[in-house]
C-alpha atoms as a PDB file:
ATOM      1  CA  MET A   1     -13.441 -60.177 -10.936  1.00  0.00           C
ATOM      2  CA  SER A   2      -9.772 -59.109  -9.452  1.00  0.00           C
ATOM      3  CA  LYS A   3      -7.325 -57.905 -11.886  1.00  0.00           C
ATOM      4  CA  GLY A   4      -4.572 -57.903  -9.957  1.00  0.00           C
ATOM      5  CA  THR A   5      -2.253 -54.987  -8.690  1.00  0.00           C
ATOM      6  CA  PRO A   6       0.379 -54.149 -11.067  1.00  0.00           C
ATOM      7  CA  LYS A   7       3.864 -54.957  -8.996  1.00  0.00           C
ATOM      8  CA  ALA A   8       6.586 -55.483 -11.711  1.00  0.00           C
ATOM      9  CA  ILE A   9      10.175 -52.993 -12.793  1.00  0.00           C
ATOM     10  CA  VAL A  10      12.175 -53.612 -14.967  1.00  0.00           C
ATOM     11  CA  HIS A  11      15.013 -55.036 -12.715  1.00  0.00           C
ATOM     12  CA  PRO A  12      18.203 -53.078 -13.264  1.00  0.00           C
ATOM     13  CA  VAL A  13      20.712 -56.158 -13.369  1.00  0.00           C
ATOM     14  CA  PHE A  14      18.574 -57.161 -16.817  1.00  0.00           C
ATOM     15  CA  ILE A  15      19.103 -53.498 -18.257  1.00  0.00           C
ATOM     16  CA  LYS A  16      22.209 -53.444 -17.466  1.00  0.00           C
ATOM     17  CA  ARG A  17      22.930 -56.872 -19.006  1.00  0.00           C
ATOM     18  CA  LEU A  18      20.516 -56.199 -22.406  1.00  0.00           C
ATOM     19  CA  LYS A  19      22.998 -53.266 -22.779  1.00  0.00           C
ATOM     20  CA  GLN A  20      26.306 -54.585 -22.556  1.00  0.00           C
ATOM     21  CA  MET A  21      25.264 -57.374 -24.799  1.00  0.00           C
ATOM     22  CA  ALA A  22      24.318 -55.286 -27.326  1.00  0.00           C
ATOM     23  CA  GLN A  23      27.454 -52.886 -26.716  1.00  0.00           C
ATOM     24  CA  VAL A  24      29.588 -55.942 -27.749  1.00  0.00           C
ATOM     25  CA  ALA A  25      27.741 -56.970 -30.443  1.00  0.00           C
ATOM     26  CA  GLU A  26      27.587 -53.947 -32.261  1.00  0.00           C
ATOM     27  CA  HIS A  27      31.472 -53.654 -31.290  1.00  0.00           C
ATOM     28  CA  ASN A  28      31.455 -57.820 -32.778  1.00  0.00           C
ATOM     29  CA  ALA A  29      29.696 -56.653 -36.112  1.00  0.00           C
ATOM     30  CA  LYS A  30      32.203 -53.430 -36.398  1.00  0.00           C
ATOM     31  CA  VAL A  31      34.952 -55.806 -36.632  1.00  0.00           C
ATOM     32  CA  LEU A  32      34.000 -58.550 -39.105  1.00  0.00           C
ATOM     33  CA  LYS A  33      33.347 -55.531 -41.210  1.00  0.00           C
ATOM     34  CA  ALA A  34      37.098 -54.782 -40.417  1.00  0.00           C
ATOM     35  CA  GLU A  35      35.434 -51.682 -39.413  1.00  0.00           C
ATOM     36  CA  GLU A  36      36.733 -52.831 -35.302  1.00  0.00           C
ATOM     37  CA  THR A  37      40.066 -54.685 -34.418  1.00  0.00           C
ATOM     38  CA  ASN A  38      39.379 -57.790 -32.203  1.00  0.00           C
ATOM     39  CA  ARG A  39      35.946 -59.541 -31.262  1.00  0.00           C
ATOM     40  CA  LYS A  40      35.471 -58.610 -27.100  1.00  0.00           C
ATOM     41  CA  TRP A  41      34.799 -61.146 -24.990  1.00  0.00           C
ATOM     42  CA  LEU A  42      30.692 -61.010 -23.302  1.00  0.00           C
ATOM     43  CA  VAL A  43      32.544 -61.004 -20.119  1.00  0.00           C
ATOM     44  CA  PRO A  44      30.254 -58.827 -17.646  1.00  0.00           C
ATOM     45  CA  GLU A  45      31.562 -55.221 -17.262  1.00  0.00           C
ATOM     46  CA  ASP A  46      31.069 -56.265 -13.089  1.00  0.00           C
ATOM     47  CA  LEU A  47      32.803 -59.495 -13.170  1.00  0.00           C
ATOM     48  CA  GLU A  48      36.544 -58.177 -15.735  1.00  0.00           C
ATOM     49  CA  ALA A  49      38.043 -57.395 -12.278  1.00  0.00           C
ATOM     50  CA  GLN A  50      37.106 -60.502 -10.545  1.00  0.00           C
ATOM     51  CA  ASP A  51      38.233 -63.751  -9.860  1.00  0.00           C
ATOM     52  CA  LEU A  52      36.850 -66.242 -12.531  1.00  0.00           C
ATOM     53  CA  PHE A  53      38.041 -69.010 -10.748  1.00  0.00           C
ATOM     54  CA  ASP A  54      35.918 -68.143  -7.219  1.00  0.00           C
ATOM     55  CA  ILE A  55      32.831 -70.007  -8.563  1.00  0.00           C
ATOM     56  CA  PRO A  56      30.515 -69.829  -5.655  1.00  0.00           C
ATOM     57  CA  ASN A  57      29.878 -66.030  -6.353  1.00  0.00           C
ATOM     58  CA  LEU A  58      30.768 -65.756 -10.066  1.00  0.00           C
ATOM     59  CA  HIS A  59      27.358 -64.908 -10.355  1.00  0.00           C
ATOM     60  CA  LYS A  60      27.308 -61.549  -8.623  1.00  0.00           C
ATOM     61  CA  PRO A  61      26.862 -58.722  -9.188  1.00  0.00           C
ATOM     62  CA  SER A  62      26.028 -59.720 -12.789  1.00  0.00           C
ATOM     63  CA  PHE A  63      23.737 -61.982 -12.941  1.00  0.00           C
ATOM     64  CA  ASP A  64      22.112 -61.960  -8.942  1.00  0.00           C
ATOM     65  CA  ARG A  65      18.553 -61.917  -9.718  1.00  0.00           C
ATOM     66  CA  VAL A  66      17.732 -62.330  -6.054  1.00  0.00           C
ATOM     67  CA  GLN A  67      15.462 -58.285  -6.938  1.00  0.00           C
ATOM     68  CA  VAL A  68      13.942 -60.605  -9.930  1.00  0.00           C
ATOM     69  CA  ASN A  69      12.790 -63.193  -7.624  1.00  0.00           C
ATOM     70  CA  THR A  70      11.915 -61.043  -4.693  1.00  0.00           C
ATOM     71  CA  ASN A  71       9.144 -59.028  -6.574  1.00  0.00           C
ATOM     72  CA  TYR A  72       8.218 -61.873  -8.567  1.00  0.00           C
ATOM     73  CA  VAL A  73       7.035 -63.498  -5.334  1.00  0.00           C
ATOM     74  CA  GLU A  74       5.344 -60.194  -3.836  1.00  0.00           C
ATOM     75  CA  CYS A  75       2.865 -61.290  -7.152  1.00  0.00           C
ATOM     76  CA  PHE A  76       1.993 -64.255  -5.040  1.00  0.00           C
ATOM     77  CA  LYS A  77       2.221 -63.142  -1.547  1.00  0.00           C
ATOM     78  CA  SER A  78      -1.878 -62.368  -1.317  1.00  0.00           C
ATOM     79  CA  VAL A  79      -4.935 -64.134  -2.457  1.00  0.00           C
ATOM     80  CA  LYS A  80      -6.832 -60.832  -2.282  1.00  0.00           C
ATOM     81  CA  ASP A  81      -3.809 -58.544  -4.033  1.00  0.00           C
ATOM     82  CA  MET A  82      -2.137 -61.045  -6.917  1.00  0.00           C
ATOM     83  CA  GLY A  83      -0.026 -59.653  -8.912  1.00  0.00           C
ATOM     84  CA  THR A  84      -0.844 -58.836 -12.911  1.00  0.00           C
ATOM     85  CA  ASN A  85      -0.843 -61.734 -15.617  1.00  0.00           C
ATOM     86  CA  ALA A  86       2.014 -59.329 -16.972  1.00  0.00           C
ATOM     87  CA  ASP A  87       3.940 -59.073 -14.166  1.00  0.00           C
ATOM     88  CA  VAL A  88       4.390 -62.779 -13.666  1.00  0.00           C
ATOM     89  CA  ILE A  89       4.968 -62.898 -17.750  1.00  0.00           C
ATOM     90  CA  SER A  90       7.691 -59.986 -17.609  1.00  0.00           C
ATOM     91  CA  LEU A  91       9.244 -61.491 -14.185  1.00  0.00           C
ATOM     92  CA  LYS A  92       9.648 -64.850 -15.717  1.00  0.00           C
ATOM     93  CA  HIS A  93      10.940 -63.389 -18.686  1.00  0.00           C
ATOM     94  CA  GLN A  94      14.127 -61.026 -16.978  1.00  0.00           C
ATOM     95  CA  MET A  95      15.014 -64.132 -14.632  1.00  0.00           C
ATOM     96  CA  ASP A  96      14.926 -66.284 -17.509  1.00  0.00           C
ATOM     97  CA  TYR A  97      17.063 -64.283 -19.966  1.00  0.00           C
ATOM     98  CA  VAL A  98      19.561 -63.576 -16.927  1.00  0.00           C
ATOM     99  CA  SER A  99      19.772 -66.860 -15.970  1.00  0.00           C
ATOM    100  CA  ALA A 100      20.049 -68.685 -19.454  1.00  0.00           C
ATOM    101  CA  GLU A 101      23.245 -65.555 -19.761  1.00  0.00           C
ATOM    102  CA  GLU A 102      25.271 -66.826 -17.260  1.00  0.00           C
ATOM    103  CA  ARG A 103      24.355 -70.619 -17.885  1.00  0.00           C
ATOM    104  CA  ALA A 104      26.499 -69.439 -21.509  1.00  0.00           C
ATOM    105  CA  PHE A 105      29.248 -67.544 -19.404  1.00  0.00           C
ATOM    106  CA  ARG A 106      29.556 -70.111 -16.819  1.00  0.00           C
ATOM    107  CA  PHE A 107      30.152 -72.934 -19.545  1.00  0.00           C
ATOM    108  CA  ARG A 108      32.369 -70.822 -22.144  1.00  0.00           C
ATOM    109  CA  HIS A 109      34.420 -70.421 -19.051  1.00  0.00           C
ATOM    110  CA  ALA A 110      34.592 -73.505 -17.912  1.00  0.00           C
ATOM    111  CA  SER A 111      37.173 -76.765 -17.997  1.00  0.00           C
ATOM    112  CA  VAL A 112      36.573 -79.580 -20.252  1.00  0.00           C
ATOM    113  CA  CYS A 113      36.142 -81.906 -17.133  1.00  0.00           C
ATOM    114  CA  ARG A 114      33.545 -79.415 -15.459  1.00  0.00           C
ATOM    115  CA  CYS A 115      31.383 -79.211 -18.818  1.00  0.00           C
ATOM    116  CA  ILE A 116      31.341 -83.466 -19.001  1.00  0.00           C
ATOM    117  CA  ALA A 117      30.226 -83.081 -15.428  1.00  0.00           C
ATOM    118  CA  HIS A 118      27.637 -81.183 -16.000  1.00  0.00           C
ATOM    119  CA  ALA A 119      26.319 -82.678 -19.084  1.00  0.00           C
ATOM    120  CA  GLY A 120      26.603 -85.649 -17.881  1.00  0.00           C
ATOM    121  CA  ALA A 121      24.294 -85.334 -14.151  1.00  0.00           C
ATOM    122  CA  ARG A 122      21.886 -83.422 -16.635  1.00  0.00           C
ATOM    123  CA  ARG A 123      21.832 -86.196 -19.120  1.00  0.00           C
ATOM    124  CA  TRP A 124      21.362 -88.360 -16.520  1.00  0.00           C
ATOM    125  CA  PHE A 125      18.584 -87.002 -14.264  1.00  0.00           C
ATOM    126  CA  GLN A 126      16.514 -85.958 -17.663  1.00  0.00           C
ATOM    127  CA  GLY A 127      17.274 -89.596 -18.885  1.00  0.00           C
ATOM    128  CA  THR A 128      15.865 -91.509 -15.319  1.00  0.00           C
ATOM    129  CA  GLY A 129      14.904 -88.773 -13.737  1.00  0.00           C
ATOM    130  CA  PRO A 130      11.008 -87.621 -13.277  1.00  0.00           C
ATOM    131  CA  LEU A 131      11.402 -84.256 -14.453  1.00  0.00           C
ATOM    132  CA  PHE A 132       9.441 -84.459 -17.481  1.00  0.00           C
ATOM    133  CA  GLU A 133       6.414 -86.019 -15.873  1.00  0.00           C
ATOM    134  CA  TYR A 134       6.651 -83.697 -12.956  1.00  0.00           C
ATOM    135  CA  ILE A 135       6.821 -80.166 -15.974  1.00  0.00           C
ATOM    136  CA  GLN A 136       3.864 -81.668 -17.154  1.00  0.00           C
ATOM    137  CA  LYS A 137       1.721 -82.287 -13.490  1.00  0.00           C
ATOM    138  CA  VAL A 138       3.002 -79.027 -12.921  1.00  0.00           C
ATOM    139  CA  GLU A 139       1.206 -77.549 -15.837  1.00  0.00           C
ATOM    140  CA  GLU A 140      -1.474 -79.319 -15.286  1.00  0.00           C
ATOM    141  CA  GLU A 141      -2.736 -78.084 -12.219  1.00  0.00           C
ATOM    142  CA  ILE A 142      -1.560 -74.420 -13.473  1.00  0.00           C
ATOM    143  CA  ILE A 143      -4.441 -74.446 -15.565  1.00  0.00           C
ATOM    144  CA  GLN A 144      -7.127 -76.624 -13.223  1.00  0.00           C
ATOM    145  CA  ALA A 145      -6.341 -73.368 -10.704  1.00  0.00           C
ATOM    146  CA  GLY A 146      -7.719 -71.276 -13.085  1.00  0.00           C
ATOM    147  CA  GLY A 147      -7.311 -67.355 -12.841  1.00  0.00           C
ATOM    148  CA  VAL A 148      -8.301 -64.978  -9.353  1.00  0.00           C
ATOM    149  CA  GLU A 149     -11.993 -64.666  -8.950  1.00  0.00           C
END
């Protein structure tokens, strides 16, 4: 039985996001204890000098997951040389973590109108679209596929 070949790394974009979040959290904790003044907004350092109204490019470079996504795809390129389960778990976690932070950042900096439009579209799709049936079907297919032999 093949165990796979390790292919994943902890990507710089993930490490950078974790470090900056820790720095901001530490600073804001000191503000609560009156050791520092003025809370910091969690604006990625890469974006501080960037136009926050450039919506299509707002994810670059702070939330750019191209390298992580590419590494994830590498784990499945060859049936004979698959990545490991640990690779898949770690890379998916890194992608999800950075994308969740990006969504939160975009939401915090979006206009009320934009937030309502996004929420309305998301709720409509979740309520009327085949999303949940699709997710269930994918999970069933994953279970049926089993492991690599």
